[in-house]
C-alpha atoms as a PDB file:
ATOM      1  CA  UNK A   1      30.400  31.906 -64.585  1.00  0.00           C
ATOM      2  CA  UNK A   2      29.324  28.196 -64.415  1.00  0.00           C
ATOM      3  CA  UNK A   3      27.250  28.955 -61.365  1.00  0.00           C
ATOM      4  CA  UNK A   4      25.459  31.736 -63.054  1.00  0.00           C
ATOM      5  CA  UNK A   5      24.694  29.611 -66.159  1.00  0.00           C
ATOM      6  CA  UNK A   6      23.326  26.828 -63.777  1.00  0.00           C
ATOM      7  CA  UNK A   7      21.165  29.537 -61.958  1.00  0.00           C
ATOM      8  CA  UNK A   8      19.761  30.741 -65.266  1.00  0.00           C
ATOM      9  CA  UNK A   9      18.993  27.205 -66.573  1.00  0.00           C
ATOM     10  CA  UNK A  10      17.278  26.358 -63.224  1.00  0.00           C
ATOM     11  CA  UNK A  11      15.118  29.541 -63.390  1.00  0.00           C
ATOM     12  CA  UNK A  12      14.189  28.758 -67.026  1.00  0.00           C
ATOM     13  CA  UNK A  13      13.052  25.182 -66.027  1.00  0.00           C
ATOM     14  CA  UNK A  14      11.075  26.588 -63.020  1.00  0.00           C
ATOM     15  CA  UNK A  15       9.253  29.124 -65.267  1.00  0.00           C
ATOM     16  CA  UNK A  16       8.434  26.500 -67.797  1.00  0.00           C
ATOM     17  CA  UNK A  17       7.100  24.171 -65.019  1.00  0.00           C
ATOM     18  CA  UNK A  18       4.721  26.650 -63.591  1.00  0.00           C
ATOM     19  CA  UNK A  19       1.036  26.273 -64.758  1.00  0.00           C
ATOM     20  CA  UNK A  20       0.187  28.842 -67.412  1.00  0.00           C
ATOM     21  CA  UNK A  21      -3.004  30.612 -68.225  1.00  0.00           C
ATOM     22  CA  UNK A  22      -5.722  28.627 -69.951  1.00  0.00           C
ATOM     23  CA  UNK A  23      -6.684  29.629 -73.522  1.00  0.00           C
ATOM     24  CA  UNK A  24      -9.922  31.099 -72.170  1.00  0.00           C
ATOM     25  CA  UNK A  25      -7.898  33.335 -69.686  1.00  0.00           C
ATOM     26  CA  UNK A  26      -5.593  34.359 -72.405  1.00  0.00           C
ATOM     27  CA  UNK A  27      -8.420  35.234 -74.819  1.00  0.00           C
ATOM     28  CA  UNK A  28     -10.447  37.243 -72.314  1.00  0.00           C
ATOM     29  CA  UNK A  29      -7.270  39.013 -71.184  1.00  0.00           C
ATOM     30  CA  UNK A  30      -6.996  40.210 -74.771  1.00  0.00           C
ATOM     31  CA  UNK A  31      -9.795  42.689 -74.105  1.00  0.00           C
ATOM     32  CA  UNK A  32      -8.392  43.730 -70.789  1.00  0.00           C
ATOM     33  CA  UNK A  33      -9.924  40.745 -69.010  1.00  0.00           C
ATOM     34  CA  UNK A  34     -13.175  42.561 -69.078  1.00  0.00           C
ATOM     35  CA  UNK A  35     -15.646  40.088 -70.460  1.00  0.00           C
ATOM     36  CA  UNK A  36     -17.399  38.570 -67.507  1.00  0.00           C
ATOM     37  CA  UNK A  37     -20.150  35.910 -68.112  1.00  0.00           C
ATOM     38  CA  UNK A  38     -21.697  37.046 -64.857  1.00  0.00           C
ATOM     39  CA  UNK A  39     -22.552  40.612 -66.218  1.00  0.00           C
ATOM     40  CA  UNK A  40     -24.155  39.350 -69.474  1.00  0.00           C
ATOM     41  CA  UNK A  41     -27.489  41.093 -70.373  1.00  0.00           C
ATOM     42  CA  UNK A  42     -29.528  41.727 -73.420  1.00  0.00           C
ATOM     43  CA  UNK A  43     -30.530  45.273 -74.769  1.00  0.00           C
ATOM     44  CA  UNK A  44     -32.426  46.342 -77.712  1.00  0.00           C
ATOM     45  CA  UNK A  45     -32.453  49.532 -79.675  1.00  0.00           C
ATOM     46  CA  UNK A  46     -31.444  51.535 -82.832  1.00  0.00           C
ATOM     47  CA  UNK A  47     -27.940  51.704 -84.090  1.00  0.00           C
ATOM     48  CA  UNK A  48     -27.068  55.482 -84.204  1.00  0.00           C
ATOM     49  CA  UNK A  49     -23.499  55.256 -85.299  1.00  0.00           C
ATOM     50  CA  UNK A  50     -21.035  52.687 -86.477  1.00  0.00           C
ATOM     51  CA  UNK A  51     -17.359  53.459 -85.890  1.00  0.00           C
ATOM     52  CA  UNK A  52     -13.845  51.997 -86.498  1.00  0.00           C
ATOM     53  CA  UNK A  53     -11.751  52.539 -83.296  1.00  0.00           C
ATOM     54  CA  UNK A  54      -8.050  52.174 -83.306  1.00  0.00           C
ATOM     55  CA  UNK A  55      -6.338  49.917 -80.913  1.00  0.00           C
ATOM     56  CA  UNK A  56      -2.908  48.270 -80.438  1.00  0.00           C
ATOM     57  CA  UNK A  57      -0.610  48.613 -83.333  1.00  0.00           C
ATOM     58  CA  UNK A  58      -1.177  51.030 -86.229  1.00  0.00           C
ATOM     59  CA  UNK A  59      -3.691  49.826 -88.624  1.00  0.00           C
ATOM     60  CA  UNK A  60      -5.786  47.735 -86.142  1.00  0.00           C
ATOM     61  CA  UNK A  61      -9.384  48.701 -85.674  1.00  0.00           C
ATOM     62  CA  UNK A  62     -12.266  47.564 -83.630  1.00  0.00           C
ATOM     63  CA  UNK A  63     -15.922  47.958 -84.669  1.00  0.00           C
ATOM     64  CA  UNK A  64     -18.022  49.890 -82.021  1.00  0.00           C
ATOM     65  CA  UNK A  65     -21.644  50.831 -82.506  1.00  0.00           C
ATOM     66  CA  UNK A  66     -23.694  53.361 -80.444  1.00  0.00           C
ATOM     67  CA  UNK A  67     -27.127  51.964 -79.559  1.00  0.00           C
ATOM     68  CA  UNK A  68     -30.063  54.064 -78.526  1.00  0.00           C
ATOM     69  CA  UNK A  69     -32.063  52.020 -76.174  1.00  0.00           C
ATOM     70  CA  UNK A  70     -35.117  52.931 -73.896  1.00  0.00           C
ATOM     71  CA  UNK A  71     -32.678  53.412 -70.877  1.00  0.00           C
ATOM     72  CA  UNK A  72     -30.272  55.628 -72.985  1.00  0.00           C
ATOM     73  CA  UNK A  73     -27.363  55.209 -75.237  1.00  0.00           C
ATOM     74  CA  UNK A  74     -24.771  52.573 -74.756  1.00  0.00           C
ATOM     75  CA  UNK A  75     -21.593  51.773 -76.676  1.00  0.00           C
ATOM     76  CA  UNK A  76     -21.408  48.154 -77.975  1.00  0.00           C
ATOM     77  CA  UNK A  77     -18.067  46.587 -78.905  1.00  0.00           C
ATOM     78  CA  UNK A  78     -18.352  44.130 -81.656  1.00  0.00           C
ATOM     79  CA  UNK A  79     -14.878  42.924 -82.442  1.00  0.00           C
ATOM     80  CA  UNK A  80     -11.859  43.523 -84.622  1.00  0.00           C
ATOM     81  CA  UNK A  81     -12.832  45.032 -88.034  1.00  0.00           C
ATOM     82  CA  UNK A  82     -11.029  42.220 -90.049  1.00  0.00           C
ATOM     83  CA  UNK A  83     -13.327  39.746 -88.403  1.00  0.00           C
ATOM     84  CA  UNK A  84     -16.675  41.682 -88.179  1.00  0.00           C
ATOM     85  CA  UNK A  85     -16.436  42.913 -91.771  1.00  0.00           C
ATOM     86  CA  UNK A  86     -16.123  39.290 -93.026  1.00  0.00           C
ATOM     87  CA  UNK A  87     -19.349  38.101 -91.449  1.00  0.00           C
ATOM     88  CA  UNK A  88     -22.487  37.620 -93.450  1.00  0.00           C
ATOM     89  CA  UNK A  89     -24.672  39.645 -90.937  1.00  0.00           C
ATOM     90  CA  UNK A  90     -23.903  43.271 -91.207  1.00  0.00           C
ATOM     91  CA  UNK A  91     -24.820  45.899 -88.666  1.00  0.00           C
ATOM     92  CA  UNK A  92     -25.607  49.393 -90.161  1.00  0.00           C
ATOM     93  CA  UNK A  93     -26.866  52.780 -89.130  1.00  0.00           C
ATOM     94  CA  UNK A  94     -30.577  52.741 -88.202  1.00  0.00           C
ATOM     95  CA  UNK A  95     -30.831  48.942 -87.706  1.00  0.00           C
ATOM     96  CA  UNK A  96     -32.983  47.738 -85.004  1.00  0.00           C
ATOM     97  CA  UNK A  97     -30.842  45.127 -83.129  1.00  0.00           C
ATOM     98  CA  UNK A  98     -30.866  43.081 -79.958  1.00  0.00           C
ATOM     99  CA  UNK A  99     -27.483  42.767 -78.358  1.00  0.00           C
ATOM    100  CA  UNK A 100     -26.429  40.181 -75.709  1.00  0.00           C
ATOM    101  CA  UNK A 101     -23.056  40.962 -74.131  1.00  0.00           C
ATOM    102  CA  UNK A 102     -21.054  41.637 -71.024  1.00  0.00           C
ATOM    103  CA  UNK A 103     -21.645  44.988 -69.317  1.00  0.00           C
ATOM    104  CA  UNK A 104     -18.314  46.723 -68.561  1.00  0.00           C
ATOM    105  CA  UNK A 105     -17.000  50.296 -67.951  1.00  0.00           C
ATOM    106  CA  UNK A 106     -14.953  51.651 -70.913  1.00  0.00           C
ATOM    107  CA  UNK A 107     -13.592  55.269 -70.765  1.00  0.00           C
ATOM    108  CA  UNK A 108     -15.664  55.828 -67.732  1.00  0.00           C
ATOM    109  CA  UNK A 109     -18.944  54.954 -69.413  1.00  0.00           C
ATOM    110  CA  UNK A 110     -21.074  51.871 -69.445  1.00  0.00           C
ATOM    111  CA  UNK A 111     -20.511  49.627 -72.503  1.00  0.00           C
ATOM    112  CA  UNK A 112     -21.315  46.253 -73.828  1.00  0.00           C
ATOM    113  CA  UNK A 113     -18.711  43.707 -75.056  1.00  0.00           C
ATOM    114  CA  UNK A 114     -21.019  41.957 -77.582  1.00  0.00           C
ATOM    115  CA  UNK A 115     -21.457  38.135 -77.771  1.00  0.00           C
ATOM    116  CA  UNK A 116     -24.113  38.251 -80.267  1.00  0.00           C
ATOM    117  CA  UNK A 117     -26.247  40.734 -82.297  1.00  0.00           C
ATOM    118  CA  UNK A 118     -29.657  39.780 -83.555  1.00  0.00           C
ATOM    119  CA  UNK A 119     -30.887  41.771 -86.481  1.00  0.00           C
ATOM    120  CA  UNK A 120     -34.509  40.486 -87.554  1.00  0.00           C
ATOM    121  CA  UNK A 121     -33.991  36.690 -88.174  1.00  0.00           C
ATOM    122  CA  UNK A 122     -30.261  36.950 -88.494  1.00  0.00           C
ATOM    123  CA  UNK A 123     -27.646  36.534 -85.767  1.00  0.00           C
ATOM    124  CA  UNK A 124     -24.036  37.792 -85.825  1.00  0.00           C
ATOM    125  CA  UNK A 125     -22.093  35.701 -83.416  1.00  0.00           C
ATOM    126  CA  UNK A 126     -18.922  37.126 -81.964  1.00  0.00           C
ATOM    127  CA  UNK A 127     -18.144  35.191 -78.749  1.00  0.00           C
ATOM    128  CA  UNK A 128     -18.979  31.771 -77.271  1.00  0.00           C
ATOM    129  CA  UNK A 129     -21.102  31.315 -74.152  1.00  0.00           C
ATOM    130  CA  UNK A 130     -18.011  31.522 -72.091  1.00  0.00           C
ATOM    131  CA  UNK A 131     -16.953  34.852 -73.725  1.00  0.00           C
ATOM    132  CA  UNK A 132     -14.235  33.576 -75.938  1.00  0.00           C
ATOM    133  CA  UNK A 133     -13.797  35.459 -78.941  1.00  0.00           C
ATOM    134  CA  UNK A 134     -14.850  33.572 -82.186  1.00  0.00           C
ATOM    135  CA  UNK A 135     -12.043  35.128 -84.058  1.00  0.00           C
ATOM    136  CA  UNK A 136      -9.662  32.985 -81.985  1.00  0.00           C
ATOM    137  CA  UNK A 137      -9.228  29.395 -82.960  1.00  0.00           C
ATOM    138  CA  UNK A 138      -9.856  28.007 -79.538  1.00  0.00           C
ATOM    139  CA  UNK A 139     -13.420  29.375 -79.395  1.00  0.00           C
ATOM    140  CA  UNK A 140     -15.661  26.603 -80.975  1.00  0.00           C
ATOM    141  CA  UNK A 141     -18.920  26.781 -78.761  1.00  0.00           C
END
């Protein structure tokens, strides 16, 4: 029994001593690790739908907009509803916007994880240059 307790204690110390993920890695993993600063692009178009999409636990929603561009339609993932809805800049149906974000595949279709949305002279900032979500305390850039 003593040997088993010693072994468990040694394993716990080993796990604690291993280097963990950085806050940036943890934050990006929060969206399936999909945000990639290497795939950032900017697209412009008209918002043709604004949707709340359930994720995770019941009652959690993300805000997605469908953008009609010259190249076709693309889903743009803004962020959690509790964060997006508290921002001064609102994105609404028929708005003309410019979105900068990381291109990903979502549900087998291309999508953008938005870092910022420009609407006229206003900018809705959602992520840092590194892709860290601004709704996380560690994202200050």
